[in-house]
Amino acid sequence: MEEEFKRRVYTLIGAIPAGHVATYGQIAKLAGAPRHARAVGFLLKNLPKESTLPWYRVINGQGKISFPEDSEKFVEQQERLLAEGVKMCSGKVSLRTFQWQ
């Protein structure tokens, strides 16, 4: 994967303010690769364990957490978002309300 794209993705994710979310597609577009949302997901999936990036602020374009609902990572992501004031209704985040602009 192109190092410049990776650097831009990590910089953008680090810039998402607390209490807001961004979508995989939004990050890809802002990083200059609008059709590479899956590449953003791949980078997040492979973050080093010691990373402090707020990975949990990135959700899918439907406003949902992408992990399976019964997984530990789903619960962790949901808890971290709720702790920052990001509300979920029927398993979805209102992108109109909480999406980073």
N, C-alpha and C. Protein backbone atom coordinates (compact mmCIF):
# COMPACT_ATOMS: atom_id res chain seq x y z
N MET A 1 0.85 -1.19 0.00
CA MET A 1 0.00 0.00 0.00
C MET A 1 0.89 1.24 0.00
N GLU A 2 0.49 2.19 -0.76
CA GLU A 2 1.28 3.41 -0.90
C GLU A 2 1.48 4.10 0.46
N GLU A 3 2.73 4.38 0.79
CA GLU A 3 3.06 4.98 2.09
C GLU A 3 2.42 6.36 2.27
N GLU A 4 2.36 7.14 1.21
CA GLU A 4 1.77 8.49 1.30
C GLU A 4 0.28 8.40 1.65
N PHE A 5 -0.43 7.47 1.02
CA PHE A 5 -1.85 7.26 1.32
C PHE A 5 -2.01 6.84 2.78
N LYS A 6 -1.19 5.91 3.21
CA LYS A 6 -1.24 5.43 4.59
C LYS A 6 -1.02 6.59 5.57
N ARG A 7 -0.02 7.41 5.29
CA ARG A 7 0.28 8.56 6.16
C ARG A 7 -0.90 9.52 6.22
N ARG A 8 -1.50 9.80 5.07
CA ARG A 8 -2.66 10.71 5.03
C ARG A 8 -3.83 10.14 5.80
N VAL A 9 -4.09 8.84 5.63
CA VAL A 9 -5.20 8.20 6.34
C VAL A 9 -4.99 8.31 7.85
N TYR A 10 -3.80 7.98 8.32
CA TYR A 10 -3.53 8.04 9.75
C TYR A 10 -3.65 9.47 10.27
N THR A 11 -3.17 10.44 9.51
CA THR A 11 -3.27 11.85 9.91
C THR A 11 -4.73 12.27 10.02
N LEU A 12 -5.53 11.88 9.04
CA LEU A 12 -6.95 12.24 9.05
C LEU A 12 -7.69 11.60 10.22
N ILE A 13 -7.43 10.33 10.47
CA ILE A 13 -8.10 9.66 11.58
C ILE A 13 -7.71 10.32 12.90
N GLY A 14 -6.46 10.70 13.03
CA GLY A 14 -6.01 11.40 14.23
C GLY A 14 -6.66 12.76 14.40
N ALA A 15 -7.17 13.33 13.31
CA ALA A 15 -7.78 14.66 13.36
C ALA A 15 -9.28 14.64 13.66
N ILE A 16 -9.90 13.46 13.65
CA ILE A 16 -11.34 13.39 13.94
C ILE A 16 -11.54 13.79 15.40
N PRO A 17 -12.31 14.86 15.65
CA PRO A 17 -12.47 15.30 17.04
C PRO A 17 -13.35 14.36 17.86
N ALA A 18 -13.10 14.35 19.15
CA ALA A 18 -13.94 13.57 20.07
C ALA A 18 -15.40 13.99 19.88
N GLY A 19 -16.29 13.02 19.94
CA GLY A 19 -17.71 13.30 19.78
C GLY A 19 -18.17 13.32 18.34
N HIS A 20 -17.28 12.98 17.42
CA HIS A 20 -17.61 12.94 16.00
C HIS A 20 -17.14 11.63 15.39
N VAL A 21 -17.68 11.31 14.24
CA VAL A 21 -17.27 10.12 13.49
C VAL A 21 -16.99 10.51 12.05
N ALA A 22 -16.29 9.64 11.35
CA ALA A 22 -16.08 9.77 9.92
C ALA A 22 -16.34 8.40 9.32
N THR A 23 -16.65 8.36 8.04
CA THR A 23 -16.86 7.07 7.38
C THR A 23 -15.57 6.65 6.68
N TYR A 24 -15.48 5.36 6.40
CA TYR A 24 -14.32 4.85 5.67
C TYR A 24 -14.18 5.59 4.34
N GLY A 25 -15.30 5.75 3.65
CA GLY A 25 -15.29 6.43 2.35
C GLY A 25 -14.88 7.89 2.46
N GLN A 26 -15.33 8.55 3.51
CA GLN A 26 -14.97 9.95 3.74
C GLN A 26 -13.46 10.09 3.93
N ILE A 27 -12.88 9.21 4.73
CA ILE A 27 -11.43 9.25 4.97
C ILE A 27 -10.68 8.98 3.66
N ALA A 28 -11.13 7.99 2.91
CA ALA A 28 -10.48 7.66 1.63
C ALA A 28 -10.53 8.86 0.69
N LYS A 29 -11.68 9.49 0.60
CA LYS A 29 -11.83 10.66 -0.28
C LYS A 29 -10.92 11.80 0.14
N LEU A 30 -10.91 12.09 1.44
CA LEU A 30 -10.05 13.17 1.95
C LEU A 30 -8.56 12.86 1.77
N ALA A 31 -8.24 11.56 1.75
CA ALA A 31 -6.84 11.15 1.57
C ALA A 31 -6.44 11.13 0.09
N GLY A 32 -7.40 11.46 -0.78
CA GLY A 32 -7.08 11.54 -2.20
C GLY A 32 -7.33 10.27 -2.99
N ALA A 33 -8.03 9.31 -2.38
CA ALA A 33 -8.31 8.05 -3.06
C ALA A 33 -9.78 7.68 -2.83
N PRO A 34 -10.71 8.42 -3.47
CA PRO A 34 -12.13 8.29 -3.16
C PRO A 34 -12.74 6.90 -3.30
N ARG A 35 -12.12 6.02 -4.04
CA ARG A 35 -12.71 4.69 -4.23
C ARG A 35 -12.00 3.62 -3.39
N HIS A 36 -11.34 4.04 -2.34
CA HIS A 36 -10.53 3.10 -1.57
C HIS A 36 -10.95 3.01 -0.09
N ALA A 37 -12.24 3.01 0.14
CA ALA A 37 -12.75 2.88 1.51
C ALA A 37 -12.26 1.58 2.15
N ARG A 38 -12.21 0.51 1.37
CA ARG A 38 -11.76 -0.78 1.92
C ARG A 38 -10.29 -0.73 2.34
N ALA A 39 -9.50 0.06 1.63
CA ALA A 39 -8.09 0.21 2.00
C ALA A 39 -7.98 0.90 3.36
N VAL A 40 -8.88 1.84 3.63
CA VAL A 40 -8.91 2.49 4.94
C VAL A 40 -9.23 1.45 6.01
N GLY A 41 -10.22 0.61 5.74
CA GLY A 41 -10.57 -0.46 6.68
C GLY A 41 -9.41 -1.41 6.91
N PHE A 42 -8.68 -1.73 5.85
CA PHE A 42 -7.52 -2.61 5.96
C PHE A 42 -6.46 -1.99 6.87
N LEU A 43 -6.20 -0.70 6.68
CA LEU A 43 -5.21 -0.02 7.52
C LEU A 43 -5.63 -0.02 8.99
N LEU A 44 -6.91 0.23 9.23
CA LEU A 44 -7.40 0.23 10.62
C LEU A 44 -7.31 -1.16 11.23
N LYS A 45 -7.66 -2.16 10.45
CA LYS A 45 -7.61 -3.53 10.94
C LYS A 45 -6.19 -3.93 11.33
N ASN A 46 -5.22 -3.35 10.67
CA ASN A 46 -3.83 -3.72 10.89
C ASN A 46 -3.02 -2.67 11.66
N LEU A 47 -3.72 -1.84 12.43
CA LEU A 47 -3.01 -0.87 13.27
C LEU A 47 -2.13 -1.60 14.28
N PRO A 48 -0.97 -1.07 14.57
CA PRO A 48 -0.15 -1.67 15.63
C PRO A 48 -0.89 -1.63 16.97
N LYS A 49 -0.69 -2.62 17.78
CA LYS A 49 -1.38 -2.71 19.08
C LYS A 49 -1.18 -1.46 19.94
N GLU A 50 0.01 -0.85 19.84
CA GLU A 50 0.31 0.30 20.69
C GLU A 50 -0.21 1.63 20.12
N SER A 51 -0.91 1.56 18.99
CA SER A 51 -1.41 2.77 18.35
C SER A 51 -2.41 3.50 19.24
N THR A 52 -2.33 4.82 19.22
CA THR A 52 -3.28 5.64 19.99
C THR A 52 -4.28 6.34 19.07
N LEU A 53 -4.28 5.99 17.79
CA LEU A 53 -5.25 6.59 16.86
C LEU A 53 -6.67 6.25 17.30
N PRO A 54 -7.59 7.20 17.17
CA PRO A 54 -8.99 6.94 17.56
C PRO A 54 -9.73 6.15 16.47
N TRP A 55 -9.31 4.91 16.24
CA TRP A 55 -9.88 4.05 15.20
C TRP A 55 -11.39 3.90 15.34
N TYR A 56 -11.86 3.96 16.58
CA TYR A 56 -13.28 3.72 16.88
C TYR A 56 -14.18 4.83 16.35
N ARG A 57 -13.61 5.95 15.93
CA ARG A 57 -14.40 7.06 15.37
C ARG A 57 -14.70 6.86 13.88
N VAL A 58 -14.24 5.77 13.30
CA VAL A 58 -14.48 5.49 11.88
C VAL A 58 -15.54 4.39 11.77
N ILE A 59 -16.62 4.71 11.06
CA ILE A 59 -17.73 3.78 10.90
C ILE A 59 -18.09 3.67 9.41
N ASN A 60 -19.03 2.81 9.09
CA ASN A 60 -19.36 2.65 7.67
C ASN A 60 -20.34 3.73 7.20
N GLY A 61 -20.55 3.78 5.91
CA GLY A 61 -21.36 4.82 5.29
C GLY A 61 -22.83 4.80 5.67
N GLN A 62 -23.28 3.72 6.30
CA GLN A 62 -24.66 3.64 6.78
C GLN A 62 -24.78 4.14 8.21
N GLY A 63 -23.66 4.55 8.78
CA GLY A 63 -23.67 5.01 10.17
C GLY A 63 -23.56 3.88 11.17
N LYS A 64 -23.13 2.71 10.71
CA LYS A 64 -23.06 1.54 11.58
C LYS A 64 -21.61 1.15 11.87
N ILE A 65 -21.44 0.47 12.98
CA ILE A 65 -20.16 -0.15 13.32
C ILE A 65 -20.02 -1.38 12.44
N SER A 66 -18.86 -1.57 11.88
CA SER A 66 -18.67 -2.67 10.92
C SER A 66 -18.38 -4.03 11.55
N PHE A 67 -18.00 -4.05 12.80
CA PHE A 67 -17.74 -5.34 13.47
C PHE A 67 -19.05 -6.08 13.70
N PRO A 68 -19.01 -7.42 13.75
CA PRO A 68 -20.22 -8.18 14.10
C PRO A 68 -20.72 -7.75 15.49
N GLU A 69 -22.04 -7.64 15.63
CA GLU A 69 -22.63 -7.12 16.88
C GLU A 69 -22.26 -7.91 18.12
N ASP A 70 -21.96 -9.18 17.98
CA ASP A 70 -21.65 -10.00 19.16
C ASP A 70 -20.15 -10.08 19.45
N SER A 71 -19.36 -9.23 18.77
CA SER A 71 -17.91 -9.28 18.95
C SER A 71 -17.43 -8.30 20.03
N GLU A 72 -16.28 -8.61 20.60
CA GLU A 72 -15.68 -7.72 21.61
C GLU A 72 -15.36 -6.35 21.02
N LYS A 73 -14.87 -6.33 19.78
CA LYS A 73 -14.51 -5.05 19.14
C LYS A 73 -15.74 -4.18 18.91
N PHE A 74 -16.88 -4.79 18.56
CA PHE A 74 -18.11 -4.03 18.40
C PHE A 74 -18.47 -3.35 19.72
N VAL A 75 -18.45 -4.12 20.79
CA VAL A 75 -18.80 -3.59 22.11
C VAL A 75 -17.83 -2.49 22.51
N GLU A 76 -16.53 -2.72 22.27
CA GLU A 76 -15.53 -1.70 22.61
C GLU A 76 -15.75 -0.41 21.83
N GLN A 77 -16.00 -0.54 20.53
CA GLN A 77 -16.21 0.64 19.70
C GLN A 77 -17.47 1.39 20.14
N GLN A 78 -18.53 0.67 20.38
CA GLN A 78 -19.78 1.29 20.82
C GLN A 78 -19.59 2.01 22.16
N GLU A 79 -18.91 1.37 23.10
CA GLU A 79 -18.69 1.99 24.41
C GLU A 79 -17.84 3.26 24.30
N ARG A 80 -16.81 3.21 23.47
CA ARG A 80 -15.93 4.39 23.30
C ARG A 80 -16.70 5.55 22.67
N LEU A 81 -17.54 5.24 21.67
CA LEU A 81 -18.33 6.30 21.04
C LEU A 81 -19.33 6.89 22.02
N LEU A 82 -20.02 6.03 22.76
CA LEU A 82 -21.00 6.51 23.74
C LEU A 82 -20.32 7.37 24.82
N ALA A 83 -19.11 6.98 25.22
CA ALA A 83 -18.37 7.74 26.23
C ALA A 83 -18.03 9.15 25.74
N GLU A 84 -17.95 9.32 24.43
CA GLU A 84 -17.65 10.64 23.85
C GLU A 84 -18.92 11.40 23.49
N GLY A 85 -20.08 10.82 23.82
CA GLY A 85 -21.34 11.51 23.56
C GLY A 85 -21.96 11.21 22.20
N VAL A 86 -21.38 10.27 21.46
CA VAL A 86 -21.96 9.89 20.16
C VAL A 86 -23.08 8.89 20.44
N LYS A 87 -24.29 9.31 20.14
CA LYS A 87 -25.46 8.49 20.44
C LYS A 87 -25.78 7.56 19.27
N MET A 88 -26.32 6.40 19.62
CA MET A 88 -26.73 5.43 18.60
C MET A 88 -28.21 5.17 18.78
N CYS A 89 -28.90 5.04 17.67
CA CYS A 89 -30.32 4.72 17.69
C CYS A 89 -30.53 3.56 16.72
N SER A 90 -31.08 2.47 17.22
CA SER A 90 -31.28 1.26 16.41
C SER A 90 -29.98 0.80 15.75
N GLY A 91 -28.87 0.90 16.49
CA GLY A 91 -27.60 0.43 16.00
C GLY A 91 -26.91 1.35 15.01
N LYS A 92 -27.42 2.58 14.86
CA LYS A 92 -26.84 3.51 13.89
C LYS A 92 -26.52 4.85 14.55
N VAL A 93 -25.46 5.46 14.03
CA VAL A 93 -25.09 6.82 14.43
C VAL A 93 -25.71 7.76 13.39
N SER A 94 -26.29 8.84 13.84
CA SER A 94 -26.81 9.84 12.90
C SER A 94 -25.63 10.59 12.28
N LEU A 95 -25.37 10.32 11.01
CA LEU A 95 -24.27 11.00 10.34
C LEU A 95 -24.56 12.50 10.21
N ARG A 96 -25.82 12.84 10.08
CA ARG A 96 -26.18 14.26 9.99
C ARG A 96 -25.77 15.01 11.26
N THR A 97 -25.87 14.33 12.40
CA THR A 97 -25.57 14.96 13.68
C THR A 97 -24.10 14.85 14.06
N PHE A 98 -23.50 13.67 13.85
CA PHE A 98 -22.19 13.40 14.41
C PHE A 98 -21.05 13.30 13.42
N GLN A 99 -21.35 13.37 12.11
CA GLN A 99 -20.26 13.22 11.14
C GLN A 99 -19.34 14.44 11.14
N TRP A 100 -18.06 14.17 11.17
CA TRP A 100 -17.03 15.19 11.13
C TRP A 100 -17.08 15.91 9.79
N GLN A 101 -17.10 17.23 9.84
CA GLN A 101 -17.15 18.02 8.58
C GLN A 101 -15.83 18.66 8.31
